[in-house]
Amino acid sequence: MNRRRQKKLTARLVTAAMCGEHTDVEALLHAGADPNTADLEGMTPLYAASVHGATDVVRTLLEAGAAPDTESAGVGAEGTPLCAAACWGHTGTVRELLAHGADAGLREDGGTGLTPLEWALRGPHPETAEALRGAAGARVTS
């Protein structure tokens, strides 16, 4: 697949993931979109789905091979998918990410930011925090 087509597919996949358009995400993955490629701003499809709590899309992306701990780097979209979901209290999405191997102890911002549990507690999102407390590596350090 040429680079131009891949860029278009990636942009469409990030947008579909952000909007929770499960059918579109499946079609784009089938067409060859890479679930690990960030858009031009640096946002990954998994981060886009996670920050909006689109659990079914998150599951589909993870099953298609999306790496659960890849950080996004776009303005307003920095961090890991698990931190994004925890920050907004998307408990189902947090559970799905954890079930697919997301690291509950991983700090965002290249290891200098908050952990997912710290984000959930700041929310405050007690149900999400409880889901994270049961995960290996979840911690509060700040």
N, C-alpha and C. Protein backbone atom coordinates (compact mmCIF):
# COMPACT_ATOMS: atom_id res chain seq x y z
N MET A 1 0.85 -1.17 0.00
CA MET A 1 0.00 0.00 0.00
C MET A 1 0.91 1.24 0.00
N ASN A 2 0.55 2.22 -0.81
CA ASN A 2 1.40 3.41 -0.86
C ASN A 2 1.18 4.29 0.37
N ARG A 3 2.15 5.16 0.62
CA ARG A 3 2.15 6.00 1.82
C ARG A 3 0.95 6.96 1.86
N ARG A 4 0.59 7.48 0.73
CA ARG A 4 -0.53 8.42 0.69
C ARG A 4 -1.83 7.74 1.11
N ARG A 5 -2.06 6.55 0.58
CA ARG A 5 -3.26 5.79 0.95
C ARG A 5 -3.24 5.43 2.43
N GLN A 6 -2.07 5.04 2.94
CA GLN A 6 -1.96 4.68 4.36
C GLN A 6 -2.26 5.90 5.24
N LYS A 7 -1.77 7.08 4.86
CA LYS A 7 -2.05 8.29 5.63
C LYS A 7 -3.55 8.59 5.67
N LYS A 8 -4.21 8.43 4.53
CA LYS A 8 -5.65 8.66 4.47
C LYS A 8 -6.41 7.66 5.34
N LEU A 9 -6.01 6.40 5.25
CA LEU A 9 -6.66 5.38 6.07
C LEU A 9 -6.45 5.66 7.55
N THR A 10 -5.24 6.06 7.92
CA THR A 10 -4.93 6.36 9.32
C THR A 10 -5.79 7.51 9.82
N ALA A 11 -5.87 8.59 9.05
CA ALA A 11 -6.68 9.74 9.46
C ALA A 11 -8.14 9.35 9.64
N ARG A 12 -8.64 8.56 8.72
CA ARG A 12 -10.04 8.11 8.81
C ARG A 12 -10.24 7.17 10.00
N LEU A 13 -9.24 6.33 10.29
CA LEU A 13 -9.35 5.40 11.41
C LEU A 13 -9.36 6.16 12.73
N VAL A 14 -8.51 7.15 12.89
CA VAL A 14 -8.50 7.94 14.12
C VAL A 14 -9.83 8.65 14.30
N THR A 15 -10.36 9.23 13.24
CA THR A 15 -11.64 9.93 13.32
C THR A 15 -12.77 8.96 13.67
N ALA A 16 -12.81 7.82 13.02
CA ALA A 16 -13.85 6.83 13.31
C ALA A 16 -13.74 6.33 14.75
N ALA A 17 -12.52 6.11 15.22
CA ALA A 17 -12.31 5.65 16.60
C ALA A 17 -12.78 6.72 17.58
N MET A 18 -12.46 7.97 17.30
CA MET A 18 -12.85 9.08 18.17
C MET A 18 -14.37 9.21 18.26
N CYS A 19 -15.04 8.95 17.16
CA CYS A 19 -16.50 9.08 17.12
C CYS A 19 -17.22 7.80 17.56
N GLY A 20 -16.45 6.76 17.86
CA GLY A 20 -17.07 5.50 18.28
C GLY A 20 -17.79 4.78 17.16
N GLU A 21 -17.37 4.99 15.94
CA GLU A 21 -18.01 4.38 14.77
C GLU A 21 -17.44 2.97 14.55
N HIS A 22 -17.96 2.03 15.28
CA HIS A 22 -17.43 0.67 15.28
C HIS A 22 -17.41 0.03 13.90
N THR A 23 -18.49 0.16 13.15
CA THR A 23 -18.57 -0.43 11.81
C THR A 23 -17.51 0.16 10.89
N ASP A 24 -17.32 1.48 10.97
CA ASP A 24 -16.30 2.14 10.15
C ASP A 24 -14.90 1.69 10.54
N VAL A 25 -14.66 1.55 11.84
CA VAL A 25 -13.34 1.09 12.32
C VAL A 25 -13.06 -0.30 11.75
N GLU A 26 -14.03 -1.18 11.84
CA GLU A 26 -13.83 -2.54 11.30
C GLU A 26 -13.54 -2.50 9.80
N ALA A 27 -14.28 -1.69 9.07
CA ALA A 27 -14.08 -1.60 7.61
C ALA A 27 -12.70 -1.03 7.28
N LEU A 28 -12.26 -0.03 8.02
CA LEU A 28 -10.95 0.56 7.77
C LEU A 28 -9.82 -0.40 8.10
N LEU A 29 -9.98 -1.15 9.16
CA LEU A 29 -8.97 -2.17 9.49
C LEU A 29 -8.93 -3.24 8.40
N HIS A 30 -10.09 -3.63 7.93
CA HIS A 30 -10.16 -4.62 6.85
C HIS A 30 -9.52 -4.09 5.57
N ALA A 31 -9.61 -2.78 5.36
CA ALA A 31 -9.02 -2.15 4.17
C ALA A 31 -7.51 -1.96 4.29
N GLY A 32 -6.97 -2.26 5.47
CA GLY A 32 -5.52 -2.19 5.64
C GLY A 32 -5.00 -1.10 6.54
N ALA A 33 -5.88 -0.37 7.22
CA ALA A 33 -5.41 0.66 8.16
C ALA A 33 -4.66 -0.02 9.30
N ASP A 34 -3.56 0.57 9.70
CA ASP A 34 -2.73 0.04 10.78
C ASP A 34 -3.22 0.60 12.12
N PRO A 35 -3.65 -0.26 13.05
CA PRO A 35 -4.18 0.22 14.33
C PRO A 35 -3.14 0.88 15.23
N ASN A 36 -1.87 0.79 14.86
CA ASN A 36 -0.81 1.37 15.68
C ASN A 36 -0.25 2.68 15.13
N THR A 37 -0.71 3.11 13.97
CA THR A 37 -0.17 4.32 13.36
C THR A 37 -0.93 5.54 13.83
N ALA A 38 -0.19 6.55 14.29
CA ALA A 38 -0.79 7.81 14.72
C ALA A 38 -1.09 8.69 13.52
N ASP A 39 -2.04 9.59 13.70
CA ASP A 39 -2.34 10.55 12.64
C ASP A 39 -1.26 11.63 12.60
N LEU A 40 -1.43 12.61 11.75
CA LEU A 40 -0.41 13.64 11.58
C LEU A 40 -0.16 14.45 12.85
N GLU A 41 -1.15 14.54 13.72
CA GLU A 41 -0.98 15.27 14.98
C GLU A 41 -0.37 14.40 16.09
N GLY A 42 -0.28 13.11 15.85
CA GLY A 42 0.32 12.21 16.84
C GLY A 42 -0.66 11.39 17.66
N MET A 43 -1.94 11.44 17.34
CA MET A 43 -2.94 10.68 18.08
C MET A 43 -3.12 9.30 17.48
N THR A 44 -3.08 8.28 18.33
CA THR A 44 -3.32 6.92 17.88
C THR A 44 -4.82 6.62 17.89
N PRO A 45 -5.26 5.69 17.07
CA PRO A 45 -6.68 5.32 17.10
C PRO A 45 -7.12 4.80 18.47
N LEU A 46 -6.25 4.05 19.15
CA LEU A 46 -6.61 3.50 20.46
C LEU A 46 -6.79 4.61 21.49
N TYR A 47 -5.94 5.60 21.47
CA TYR A 47 -6.10 6.74 22.38
C TYR A 47 -7.42 7.45 22.08
N ALA A 48 -7.72 7.69 20.80
CA ALA A 48 -8.94 8.39 20.41
C ALA A 48 -10.18 7.66 20.92
N ALA A 49 -10.20 6.36 20.80
CA ALA A 49 -11.34 5.58 21.28
C ALA A 49 -11.39 5.55 22.80
N SER A 50 -10.23 5.47 23.44
CA SER A 50 -10.17 5.37 24.90
C SER A 50 -10.62 6.65 25.59
N VAL A 51 -10.19 7.79 25.08
CA VAL A 51 -10.55 9.06 25.72
C VAL A 51 -12.05 9.32 25.63
N HIS A 52 -12.70 8.72 24.64
CA HIS A 52 -14.14 8.90 24.47
C HIS A 52 -14.95 7.73 25.03
N GLY A 53 -14.27 6.73 25.60
CA GLY A 53 -14.98 5.61 26.21
C GLY A 53 -15.68 4.69 25.24
N ALA A 54 -15.17 4.57 24.05
CA ALA A 54 -15.75 3.69 23.03
C ALA A 54 -15.20 2.28 23.21
N THR A 55 -15.71 1.58 24.20
CA THR A 55 -15.17 0.29 24.60
C THR A 55 -15.19 -0.73 23.48
N ASP A 56 -16.25 -0.79 22.70
CA ASP A 56 -16.30 -1.76 21.60
C ASP A 56 -15.23 -1.48 20.55
N VAL A 57 -14.97 -0.20 20.29
CA VAL A 57 -13.92 0.17 19.34
C VAL A 57 -12.55 -0.16 19.93
N VAL A 58 -12.36 0.11 21.21
CA VAL A 58 -11.10 -0.23 21.89
C VAL A 58 -10.83 -1.72 21.75
N ARG A 59 -11.84 -2.54 22.02
CA ARG A 59 -11.69 -4.00 21.92
C ARG A 59 -11.28 -4.40 20.50
N THR A 60 -11.96 -3.84 19.51
CA THR A 60 -11.66 -4.17 18.11
C THR A 60 -10.23 -3.78 17.74
N LEU A 61 -9.80 -2.59 18.16
CA LEU A 61 -8.43 -2.15 17.86
C LEU A 61 -7.40 -3.03 18.54
N LEU A 62 -7.65 -3.40 19.79
CA LEU A 62 -6.73 -4.28 20.51
C LEU A 62 -6.66 -5.65 19.85
N GLU A 63 -7.80 -6.18 19.45
CA GLU A 63 -7.83 -7.47 18.78
C GLU A 63 -7.15 -7.42 17.41
N ALA A 64 -7.09 -6.22 16.82
CA ALA A 64 -6.41 -6.04 15.53
C ALA A 64 -4.91 -5.80 15.70
N GLY A 65 -4.46 -5.78 16.95
CA GLY A 65 -3.02 -5.64 17.21
C GLY A 65 -2.56 -4.31 17.73
N ALA A 66 -3.46 -3.41 18.08
CA ALA A 66 -3.05 -2.13 18.66
C ALA A 66 -2.30 -2.37 19.96
N ALA A 67 -1.17 -1.71 20.13
CA ALA A 67 -0.38 -1.82 21.36
C ALA A 67 -1.07 -1.01 22.46
N PRO A 68 -1.39 -1.64 23.59
CA PRO A 68 -2.19 -0.97 24.61
C PRO A 68 -1.50 0.18 25.34
N ASP A 69 -0.18 0.25 25.29
CA ASP A 69 0.54 1.27 26.07
C ASP A 69 1.19 2.37 25.24
N THR A 70 0.90 2.42 23.94
CA THR A 70 1.51 3.44 23.09
C THR A 70 0.94 4.82 23.42
N GLU A 71 1.83 5.77 23.68
CA GLU A 71 1.41 7.13 23.99
C GLU A 71 1.09 7.92 22.73
N SER A 72 0.08 8.75 22.84
CA SER A 72 -0.21 9.72 21.79
C SER A 72 0.56 10.99 22.11
N ALA A 73 0.81 11.78 21.09
CA ALA A 73 1.63 12.98 21.31
C ALA A 73 0.99 14.25 20.77
N GLY A 74 -0.23 14.18 20.30
CA GLY A 74 -0.87 15.36 19.74
C GLY A 74 -1.28 16.36 20.80
N VAL A 75 -1.39 17.61 20.41
CA VAL A 75 -1.82 18.65 21.34
C VAL A 75 -3.20 18.31 21.88
N GLY A 76 -3.31 18.23 23.19
CA GLY A 76 -4.57 17.86 23.82
C GLY A 76 -4.83 16.36 23.82
N ALA A 77 -3.89 15.59 23.30
CA ALA A 77 -4.06 14.14 23.23
C ALA A 77 -2.78 13.44 23.65
N GLU A 78 -2.13 13.99 24.66
CA GLU A 78 -0.90 13.38 25.12
C GLU A 78 -1.22 12.31 26.15
N GLY A 79 -0.48 11.22 26.10
CA GLY A 79 -0.62 10.19 27.13
C GLY A 79 -1.00 8.84 26.59
N THR A 80 -1.20 7.93 27.53
CA THR A 80 -1.52 6.55 27.18
C THR A 80 -3.04 6.37 27.10
N PRO A 81 -3.48 5.36 26.38
CA PRO A 81 -4.91 5.09 26.32
C PRO A 81 -5.52 4.83 27.70
N LEU A 82 -4.79 4.10 28.57
CA LEU A 82 -5.32 3.79 29.89
C LEU A 82 -5.45 5.05 30.74
N CYS A 83 -4.48 5.94 30.67
CA CYS A 83 -4.59 7.22 31.40
C CYS A 83 -5.77 8.03 30.89
N ALA A 84 -5.96 8.04 29.58
CA ALA A 84 -7.07 8.80 28.99
C ALA A 84 -8.41 8.26 29.48
N ALA A 85 -8.57 6.96 29.44
CA ALA A 85 -9.83 6.36 29.88
C ALA A 85 -10.05 6.58 31.38
N ALA A 86 -8.99 6.45 32.16
CA ALA A 86 -9.10 6.64 33.61
C ALA A 86 -9.43 8.08 33.96
N CYS A 87 -8.85 9.01 33.26
CA CYS A 87 -9.06 10.44 33.51
C CYS A 87 -10.53 10.81 33.38
N TRP A 88 -11.21 10.20 32.44
CA TRP A 88 -12.61 10.53 32.17
C TRP A 88 -13.59 9.54 32.80
N GLY A 89 -13.08 8.56 33.56
CA GLY A 89 -13.96 7.64 34.26
C GLY A 89 -14.64 6.61 33.39
N HIS A 90 -14.00 6.22 32.30
CA HIS A 90 -14.57 5.21 31.41
C HIS A 90 -14.17 3.82 31.91
N THR A 91 -14.88 3.35 32.92
CA THR A 91 -14.52 2.12 33.61
C THR A 91 -14.51 0.91 32.69
N GLY A 92 -15.48 0.77 31.83
CA GLY A 92 -15.52 -0.36 30.90
C GLY A 92 -14.31 -0.36 29.98
N THR A 93 -13.94 0.80 29.52
CA THR A 93 -12.76 0.92 28.64
C THR A 93 -11.50 0.59 29.42
N VAL A 94 -11.40 1.06 30.66
CA VAL A 94 -10.26 0.71 31.51
C VAL A 94 -10.15 -0.80 31.67
N ARG A 95 -11.25 -1.44 31.95
CA ARG A 95 -11.23 -2.91 32.13
C ARG A 95 -10.80 -3.61 30.84
N GLU A 96 -11.27 -3.13 29.70
CA GLU A 96 -10.90 -3.74 28.42
C GLU A 96 -9.40 -3.57 28.16
N LEU A 97 -8.87 -2.39 28.40
CA LEU A 97 -7.44 -2.16 28.21
C LEU A 97 -6.61 -3.06 29.14
N LEU A 98 -7.02 -3.16 30.38
CA LEU A 98 -6.31 -4.02 31.34
C LEU A 98 -6.37 -5.48 30.91
N ALA A 99 -7.51 -5.91 30.41
CA ALA A 99 -7.67 -7.30 29.96
C ALA A 99 -6.76 -7.61 28.78
N HIS A 100 -6.36 -6.59 28.05
CA HIS A 100 -5.47 -6.78 26.90
C HIS A 100 -4.04 -6.37 27.20
N GLY A 101 -3.70 -6.30 28.47
CA GLY A 101 -2.30 -6.11 28.86
C GLY A 101 -1.82 -4.71 29.09
N ALA A 102 -2.70 -3.72 29.15
CA ALA A 102 -2.24 -2.35 29.45
C ALA A 102 -1.59 -2.33 30.83
N ASP A 103 -0.53 -1.58 30.96
CA ASP A 103 0.25 -1.49 32.19
C ASP A 103 -0.37 -0.46 33.12
N ALA A 104 -0.96 -0.92 34.22
CA ALA A 104 -1.63 -0.03 35.17
C ALA A 104 -0.65 0.86 35.93
N GLY A 105 0.62 0.53 35.91
CA GLY A 105 1.61 1.33 36.62
C GLY A 105 2.37 2.29 35.74
N LEU A 106 2.07 2.30 34.45
CA LEU A 106 2.81 3.12 33.50
C LEU A 106 2.42 4.58 33.61
N ARG A 107 3.39 5.41 33.90
CA ARG A 107 3.17 6.87 33.94
C ARG A 107 3.16 7.39 32.50
N GLU A 108 2.28 8.32 32.23
CA GLU A 108 2.28 8.91 30.90
C GLU A 108 3.38 9.96 30.79
N ASP A 109 3.43 10.63 29.67
CA ASP A 109 4.45 11.66 29.39
C ASP A 109 5.86 11.10 29.53
N GLY A 110 6.07 9.95 28.91
CA GLY A 110 7.40 9.34 28.91
C GLY A 110 7.87 8.93 30.29
N GLY A 111 6.94 8.63 31.17
CA GLY A 111 7.30 8.17 32.51
C GLY A 111 7.37 9.27 33.55
N THR A 112 7.04 10.51 33.19
CA THR A 112 7.13 11.61 34.15
C THR A 112 5.78 12.11 34.63
N GLY A 113 4.72 11.63 34.02
CA GLY A 113 3.37 12.12 34.34
C GLY A 113 2.67 11.27 35.38
N LEU A 114 1.37 11.34 35.36
CA LEU A 114 0.54 10.61 36.32
C LEU A 114 0.31 9.17 35.89
N THR A 115 -0.02 8.33 36.85
CA THR A 115 -0.42 6.95 36.56
C THR A 115 -1.93 6.95 36.28
N PRO A 116 -2.43 5.88 35.69
CA PRO A 116 -3.88 5.80 35.47
C PRO A 116 -4.68 5.93 36.77
N LEU A 117 -4.21 5.31 37.85
CA LEU A 117 -4.93 5.39 39.13
C LEU A 117 -4.95 6.83 39.64
N GLU A 118 -3.85 7.54 39.51
CA GLU A 118 -3.83 8.94 39.93
C GLU A 118 -4.84 9.76 39.14
N TRP A 119 -4.96 9.50 37.83
CA TRP A 119 -5.96 10.20 37.03
C TRP A 119 -7.37 9.89 37.51
N ALA A 120 -7.65 8.62 37.77
CA ALA A 120 -8.99 8.23 38.21
C ALA A 120 -9.34 8.88 39.55
N LEU A 121 -8.38 8.95 40.44
CA LEU A 121 -8.63 9.56 41.74
C LEU A 121 -8.83 11.07 41.64
N ARG A 122 -8.16 11.71 40.71
CA ARG A 122 -8.33 13.15 40.51
C ARG A 122 -9.66 13.48 39.88
N GLY A 123 -10.27 12.51 39.21
CA GLY A 123 -11.51 12.71 38.46
C GLY A 123 -12.62 13.42 39.20
N PRO A 124 -13.10 13.04 40.33
CA PRO A 124 -12.88 11.72 40.91
C PRO A 124 -13.81 10.69 40.29
N HIS A 125 -13.23 9.54 40.03
CA HIS A 125 -13.99 8.43 39.44
C HIS A 125 -13.74 7.18 40.29
N PRO A 126 -14.46 7.03 41.41
CA PRO A 126 -14.19 5.93 42.34
C PRO A 126 -14.34 4.54 41.74
N GLU A 127 -15.32 4.34 40.85
CA GLU A 127 -15.50 3.02 40.25
C GLU A 127 -14.30 2.67 39.35
N THR A 128 -13.84 3.65 38.61
CA THR A 128 -12.68 3.45 37.75
C THR A 128 -11.44 3.21 38.61
N ALA A 129 -11.28 3.98 39.68
CA ALA A 129 -10.14 3.79 40.59
C ALA A 129 -10.16 2.39 41.17
N GLU A 130 -11.33 1.91 41.53
CA GLU A 130 -11.44 0.56 42.09
C GLU A 130 -11.04 -0.49 41.07
N ALA A 131 -11.44 -0.32 39.82
CA ALA A 131 -11.04 -1.26 38.77
C ALA A 131 -9.53 -1.27 38.60
N LEU A 132 -8.92 -0.11 38.72
CA LEU A 132 -7.46 -0.02 38.59
C LEU A 132 -6.73 -0.58 39.80
N ARG A 133 -7.29 -0.38 40.99
CA ARG A 133 -6.64 -0.90 42.21
C ARG A 133 -6.46 -2.41 42.16
N GLY A 134 -7.34 -3.09 41.47
CA GLY A 134 -7.23 -4.53 41.36
C GLY A 134 -6.20 -5.00 40.34
N ALA A 135 -5.61 -4.07 39.60
CA ALA A 135 -4.66 -4.41 38.55
C ALA A 135 -3.23 -4.40 39.08
N ALA A 136 -2.44 -5.33 38.60
CA ALA A 136 -1.03 -5.38 39.00
C ALA A 136 -0.33 -4.10 38.58
N GLY A 137 0.44 -3.54 39.46
CA GLY A 137 1.25 -2.36 39.16
C GLY A 137 0.57 -1.04 39.40
N ALA A 138 -0.75 -1.03 39.67
CA ALA A 138 -1.46 0.24 39.89
C ALA A 138 -0.90 0.88 41.16
N ARG A 139 -0.63 2.17 41.08
CA ARG A 139 -0.07 2.86 42.25
C ARG A 139 -0.36 4.36 42.20
N VAL A 140 -0.25 4.93 43.39
CA VAL A 140 -0.34 6.37 43.56
C VAL A 140 0.97 6.81 44.19
N THR A 141 1.62 7.76 43.55
CA THR A 141 2.90 8.22 44.07
C THR A 141 2.96 9.72 44.29
N SER A 142 1.94 10.42 43.83
CA SER A 142 2.00 11.88 44.01
C SER A 142 1.02 12.33 45.05
